[in-house]
Amino acid sequence: MKFRPLEKDDHSLLPKFLYQAIFVPPGDQKPSTAIINEPEILRYIINWGVMNGDKAIVAEANTKIIGMAWGRIFKFPGTGYGYINDDTPEISISILPEYRNQGVRTKLLKKLFRAYKKDKTSQLSLSVDKRNPALELYKKIGFREFGDKGQAITMIKHL
């Protein structure tokens, strides 16, 4: 498996991975792929690479991109679900279903942490559904609860 920064040629895959990042509890029906065109979701990838703080790492297996971890700084009032402040990048992560539970998520996150540390970023945030099994992984790698939003938790990690 290989990890590398997201390249311009990979931008067309962002919608696919954004859709995969949407948590659907077991037994619930997945939403239509059109959901990524909703403004509160699309803001995570629109005009990728133009905004200050846009960073992404991809995981490849046999030249196929199987996962992505990316972050973006949102400015109030156009904030994301895990918004903390105008200086903290909010991250997202997505692994194709057949590659989950193989350690890819942890490796991707650690590579993304290093990329942000190089730019002197002091902390990152994310939003996670309380029913999402990934919540335990986020705690294990150093994320702490920052805010409770009902069904979701905003988490913060100091780098």
C-alpha atoms as a PDB file:
ATOM      1  CA  MET A   1       0.000   0.000   0.000  1.00  0.00           C
ATOM      2  CA  LYS A   2       1.191   3.474  -0.889  1.00  0.00           C
ATOM      3  CA  PHE A   3       0.282   6.857   0.602  1.00  0.00           C
ATOM      4  CA  ARG A   4       0.744  10.160  -1.180  1.00  0.00           C
ATOM      5  CA  PRO A   5      -0.704  13.671  -1.417  1.00  0.00           C
ATOM      6  CA  LEU A   6      -3.833  14.142  -3.496  1.00  0.00           C
ATOM      7  CA  GLU A   7      -2.891  15.259  -7.007  1.00  0.00           C
ATOM      8  CA  LYS A   8      -4.894  17.420  -9.403  1.00  0.00           C
ATOM      9  CA  ASP A   9      -5.723  14.358 -11.523  1.00  0.00           C
ATOM     10  CA  ASP A  10      -7.366  12.795  -8.447  1.00  0.00           C
ATOM     11  CA  HIS A  11      -9.827  15.663  -7.840  1.00  0.00           C
ATOM     12  CA  SER A  12     -12.533  13.903  -9.868  1.00  0.00           C
ATOM     13  CA  LEU A  13     -12.606  11.176  -7.176  1.00  0.00           C
ATOM     14  CA  LEU A  14     -13.468  13.583  -4.362  1.00  0.00           C
ATOM     15  CA  PRO A  15     -17.268  13.236  -4.799  1.00  0.00           C
ATOM     16  CA  LYS A  16     -17.018   9.422  -4.635  1.00  0.00           C
ATOM     17  CA  PHE A  17     -15.019   9.531  -1.416  1.00  0.00           C
ATOM     18  CA  LEU A  18     -17.157  12.285   0.081  1.00  0.00           C
ATOM     19  CA  TYR A  19     -20.190  10.052  -0.417  1.00  0.00           C
ATOM     20  CA  GLN A  20     -18.370   7.117   1.205  1.00  0.00           C
ATOM     21  CA  ALA A  21     -17.552   9.324   4.203  1.00  0.00           C
ATOM     22  CA  ILE A  22     -21.247   9.676   5.061  1.00  0.00           C
ATOM     23  CA  PHE A  23     -22.001   7.399   7.997  1.00  0.00           C
ATOM     24  CA  VAL A  24     -25.117   5.273   7.640  1.00  0.00           C
ATOM     25  CA  PRO A  25     -26.085   3.240  10.730  1.00  0.00           C
ATOM     26  CA  PRO A  26     -26.542  -0.492  10.150  1.00  0.00           C
ATOM     27  CA  GLY A  27     -30.046  -1.193   8.902  1.00  0.00           C
ATOM     28  CA  ASP A  28     -30.600   2.338   7.575  1.00  0.00           C
ATOM     29  CA  GLN A  29     -30.830   3.003   3.864  1.00  0.00           C
ATOM     30  CA  LYS A  30     -27.966   4.898   2.223  1.00  0.00           C
ATOM     31  CA  PRO A  31     -29.017   8.274   0.871  1.00  0.00           C
ATOM     32  CA  SER A  32     -28.965   8.999  -2.839  1.00  0.00           C
ATOM     33  CA  THR A  33     -25.568  10.040  -4.182  1.00  0.00           C
ATOM     34  CA  ALA A  34     -27.235  13.384  -4.964  1.00  0.00           C
ATOM     35  CA  ILE A  35     -26.833  14.258  -1.274  1.00  0.00           C
ATOM     36  CA  ILE A  36     -23.275  15.391  -1.935  1.00  0.00           C
ATOM     37  CA  ASN A  37     -24.688  18.290  -3.958  1.00  0.00           C
ATOM     38  CA  GLU A  38     -26.347  19.715  -0.852  1.00  0.00           C
ATOM     39  CA  PRO A  39     -24.436  22.911   0.081  1.00  0.00           C
ATOM     40  CA  GLU A  40     -23.624  21.739   3.636  1.00  0.00           C
ATOM     41  CA  ILE A  41     -21.987  18.588   2.213  1.00  0.00           C
ATOM     42  CA  LEU A  42     -20.546  19.909  -1.047  1.00  0.00           C
ATOM     43  CA  ARG A  43     -18.548  22.542   0.862  1.00  0.00           C
ATOM     44  CA  TYR A  44     -16.135  19.778   1.913  1.00  0.00           C
ATOM     45  CA  ILE A  45     -14.810  19.379  -1.641  1.00  0.00           C
ATOM     46  CA  ILE A  46     -15.967  22.247  -3.867  1.00  0.00           C
ATOM     47  CA  ASN A  47     -13.125  24.139  -5.568  1.00  0.00           C
ATOM     48  CA  TRP A  48     -10.635  21.764  -3.981  1.00  0.00           C
ATOM     49  CA  GLY A  49      -7.112  23.079  -3.634  1.00  0.00           C
ATOM     50  CA  VAL A  50      -8.106  26.742  -3.889  1.00  0.00           C
ATOM     51  CA  MET A  51      -8.840  27.377  -0.225  1.00  0.00           C
ATOM     52  CA  ASN A  52      -6.100  27.980   2.310  1.00  0.00           C
ATOM     53  CA  GLY A  53      -5.638  24.873   4.430  1.00  0.00           C
ATOM     54  CA  ASP A  54      -6.789  22.342   1.817  1.00  0.00           C
ATOM     55  CA  LYS A  55      -4.720  19.202   2.333  1.00  0.00           C
ATOM     56  CA  ALA A  56      -5.386  15.609   1.345  1.00  0.00           C
ATOM     57  CA  ILE A  57      -3.631  12.258   1.447  1.00  0.00           C
ATOM     58  CA  VAL A  58      -4.688   9.223  -0.579  1.00  0.00           C
ATOM     59  CA  ALA A  59      -4.099   5.516  -0.007  1.00  0.00           C
ATOM     60  CA  GLU A  60      -3.424   3.365  -3.049  1.00  0.00           C
ATOM     61  CA  ALA A  61      -3.465  -0.388  -3.502  1.00  0.00           C
ATOM     62  CA  ASN A  62      -2.180  -1.581  -6.871  1.00  0.00           C
ATOM     63  CA  THR A  63      -2.518   1.969  -8.302  1.00  0.00           C
ATOM     64  CA  LYS A  64      -6.203   2.140  -7.260  1.00  0.00           C
ATOM     65  CA  ILE A  65      -7.132   4.867  -4.785  1.00  0.00           C
ATOM     66  CA  ILE A  66      -8.858   3.081  -1.906  1.00  0.00           C
ATOM     67  CA  GLY A  67      -9.052   5.852   0.668  1.00  0.00           C
ATOM     68  CA  MET A  68      -8.652   9.566   1.301  1.00  0.00           C
ATOM     69  CA  ALA A  69      -8.175  11.792   4.309  1.00  0.00           C
ATOM     70  CA  TRP A  70      -8.582  15.498   3.727  1.00  0.00           C
ATOM     71  CA  GLY A  71      -8.952  18.722   5.611  1.00  0.00           C
ATOM     72  CA  ARG A  72     -10.216  22.198   4.979  1.00  0.00           C
ATOM     73  CA  ILE A  73     -10.441  25.430   6.955  1.00  0.00           C
ATOM     74  CA  PHE A  74     -13.984  26.763   7.071  1.00  0.00           C
ATOM     75  CA  LYS A  75     -14.743  30.401   7.756  1.00  0.00           C
ATOM     76  CA  PHE A  76     -17.851  31.474   9.636  1.00  0.00           C
ATOM     77  CA  PRO A  77     -20.688  31.519   8.574  1.00  0.00           C
ATOM     78  CA  GLY A  78     -19.938  28.836   5.922  1.00  0.00           C
ATOM     79  CA  THR A  79     -18.814  26.265   8.455  1.00  0.00           C
ATOM     80  CA  GLY A  80     -18.710  22.477   8.454  1.00  0.00           C
ATOM     81  CA  TYR A  81     -20.214  20.017  10.913  1.00  0.00           C
ATOM     82  CA  GLY A  82     -17.038  19.860  13.025  1.00  0.00           C
ATOM     83  CA  TYR A  83     -16.292  23.586  13.045  1.00  0.00           C
ATOM     84  CA  ILE A  84     -14.304  24.883  16.018  1.00  0.00           C
ATOM     85  CA  ASN A  85     -12.931  28.205  14.754  1.00  0.00           C
ATOM     86  CA  ASP A  86     -11.726  29.938  11.603  1.00  0.00           C
ATOM     87  CA  ASP A  87      -8.162  28.630  12.082  1.00  0.00           C
ATOM     88  CA  THR A  88      -8.767  24.921  12.717  1.00  0.00           C
ATOM     89  CA  PRO A  89      -8.954  22.601   9.711  1.00  0.00           C
ATOM     90  CA  GLU A  90     -11.838  20.153   9.822  1.00  0.00           C
ATOM     91  CA  ILE A  91     -10.917  16.742   8.489  1.00  0.00           C
ATOM     92  CA  SER A  92     -12.837  14.017   6.712  1.00  0.00           C
ATOM     93  CA  ILE A  93     -11.826  10.456   5.969  1.00  0.00           C
ATOM     94  CA  SER A  94     -13.182   7.829   3.651  1.00  0.00           C
ATOM     95  CA  ILE A  95     -12.153   4.266   2.902  1.00  0.00           C
ATOM     96  CA  LEU A  96     -13.811   2.102   0.262  1.00  0.00           C
ATOM     97  CA  PRO A  97     -15.923  -0.539   2.060  1.00  0.00           C
ATOM     98  CA  GLU A  98     -13.849  -3.525   0.968  1.00  0.00           C
ATOM     99  CA  TYR A  99     -10.690  -1.959   2.496  1.00  0.00           C
ATOM    100  CA  ARG A 100     -12.121  -0.989   5.894  1.00  0.00           C
ATOM    101  CA  ASN A 101     -10.890  -2.519   9.162  1.00  0.00           C
ATOM    102  CA  GLN A 102      -7.395  -3.090   7.740  1.00  0.00           C
ATOM    103  CA  GLY A 103      -5.574  -0.173   9.378  1.00  0.00           C
ATOM    104  CA  VAL A 104      -5.834   2.117   6.343  1.00  0.00           C
ATOM    105  CA  ARG A 105      -7.789   4.804   8.248  1.00  0.00           C
ATOM    106  CA  THR A 106      -5.155   5.077  10.995  1.00  0.00           C
ATOM    107  CA  LYS A 107      -2.277   5.295   8.522  1.00  0.00           C
ATOM    108  CA  LEU A 108      -4.064   7.914   6.422  1.00  0.00           C
ATOM    109  CA  LEU A 109      -4.819  10.035   9.475  1.00  0.00           C
ATOM    110  CA  LYS A 110      -1.225   9.898  10.705  1.00  0.00           C
ATOM    111  CA  LYS A 111       0.028  11.014   7.276  1.00  0.00           C
ATOM    112  CA  LEU A 112      -2.489  13.864   7.250  1.00  0.00           C
ATOM    113  CA  PHE A 113      -1.416  14.898  10.769  1.00  0.00           C
ATOM    114  CA  ARG A 114       2.211  15.108   9.571  1.00  0.00           C
ATOM    115  CA  ALA A 115       1.218  17.221   6.555  1.00  0.00           C
ATOM    116  CA  TYR A 116      -0.589  19.724   8.775  1.00  0.00           C
ATOM    117  CA  LYS A 117       2.223  19.757  11.363  1.00  0.00           C
ATOM    118  CA  LYS A 118       4.653  20.811   8.621  1.00  0.00           C
ATOM    119  CA  ASP A 119       2.523  23.920   8.125  1.00  0.00           C
ATOM    120  CA  LYS A 120       2.554  24.670  11.852  1.00  0.00           C
ATOM    121  CA  THR A 121      -1.133  23.805  12.275  1.00  0.00           C
ATOM    122  CA  SER A 122      -1.744  23.296  15.992  1.00  0.00           C
ATOM    123  CA  GLN A 123      -5.018  21.361  15.969  1.00  0.00           C
ATOM    124  CA  LEU A 124      -7.574  19.585  13.797  1.00  0.00           C
ATOM    125  CA  SER A 125     -11.263  18.874  14.242  1.00  0.00           C
ATOM    126  CA  LEU A 126     -13.842  16.413  12.972  1.00  0.00           C
ATOM    127  CA  SER A 127     -17.467  15.500  13.463  1.00  0.00           C
ATOM    128  CA  VAL A 128     -18.496  11.907  14.083  1.00  0.00           C
ATOM    129  CA  ASP A 129     -21.849  10.230  14.637  1.00  0.00           C
ATOM    130  CA  LYS A 130     -22.028   8.704  18.123  1.00  0.00           C
ATOM    131  CA  ARG A 131     -23.067   5.371  16.551  1.00  0.00           C
ATOM    132  CA  ASN A 132     -20.059   5.261  14.218  1.00  0.00           C
ATOM    133  CA  PRO A 133     -17.539   2.574  15.280  1.00  0.00           C
ATOM    134  CA  ALA A 134     -14.748   4.913  14.094  1.00  0.00           C
ATOM    135  CA  LEU A 135     -15.407   7.037  17.202  1.00  0.00           C
ATOM    136  CA  GLU A 136     -13.287   4.651  19.276  1.00  0.00           C
ATOM    137  CA  LEU A 137     -10.412   4.877  16.786  1.00  0.00           C
ATOM    138  CA  TYR A 138     -10.510   8.668  16.895  1.00  0.00           C
ATOM    139  CA  LYS A 139     -10.276   8.579  20.689  1.00  0.00           C
ATOM    140  CA  LYS A 140      -7.431   6.057  20.511  1.00  0.00           C
ATOM    141  CA  ILE A 141      -5.342   8.294  18.223  1.00  0.00           C
ATOM    142  CA  GLY A 142      -5.768  11.365  20.390  1.00  0.00           C
ATOM    143  CA  PHE A 143      -9.012  13.109  19.488  1.00  0.00           C
ATOM    144  CA  ARG A 144     -10.962  14.477  22.454  1.00  0.00           C
ATOM    145  CA  GLU A 145     -14.575  15.556  22.669  1.00  0.00           C
ATOM    146  CA  PHE A 146     -15.022  19.269  22.064  1.00  0.00           C
ATOM    147  CA  GLY A 147     -18.785  19.549  21.718  1.00  0.00           C
ATOM    148  CA  ASP A 148     -21.935  17.466  21.699  1.00  0.00           C
ATOM    149  CA  LYS A 149     -24.399  18.129  18.890  1.00  0.00           C
ATOM    150  CA  GLY A 150     -27.058  15.551  19.705  1.00  0.00           C
ATOM    151  CA  GLN A 151     -26.357  12.574  17.446  1.00  0.00           C
ATOM    152  CA  ALA A 152     -22.828  13.763  16.624  1.00  0.00           C
ATOM    153  CA  ILE A 153     -19.726  14.790  18.518  1.00  0.00           C
ATOM    154  CA  THR A 154     -17.258  17.461  17.463  1.00  0.00           C
ATOM    155  CA  MET A 155     -13.754  16.271  18.314  1.00  0.00           C
ATOM    156  CA  ILE A 156     -10.405  18.038  18.476  1.00  0.00           C
ATOM    157  CA  LYS A 157      -6.832  16.779  18.216  1.00  0.00           C
ATOM    158  CA  HIS A 158      -3.842  18.860  19.247  1.00  0.00           C
ATOM    159  CA  LEU A 159      -0.860  18.183  16.992  1.00  0.00           C
END
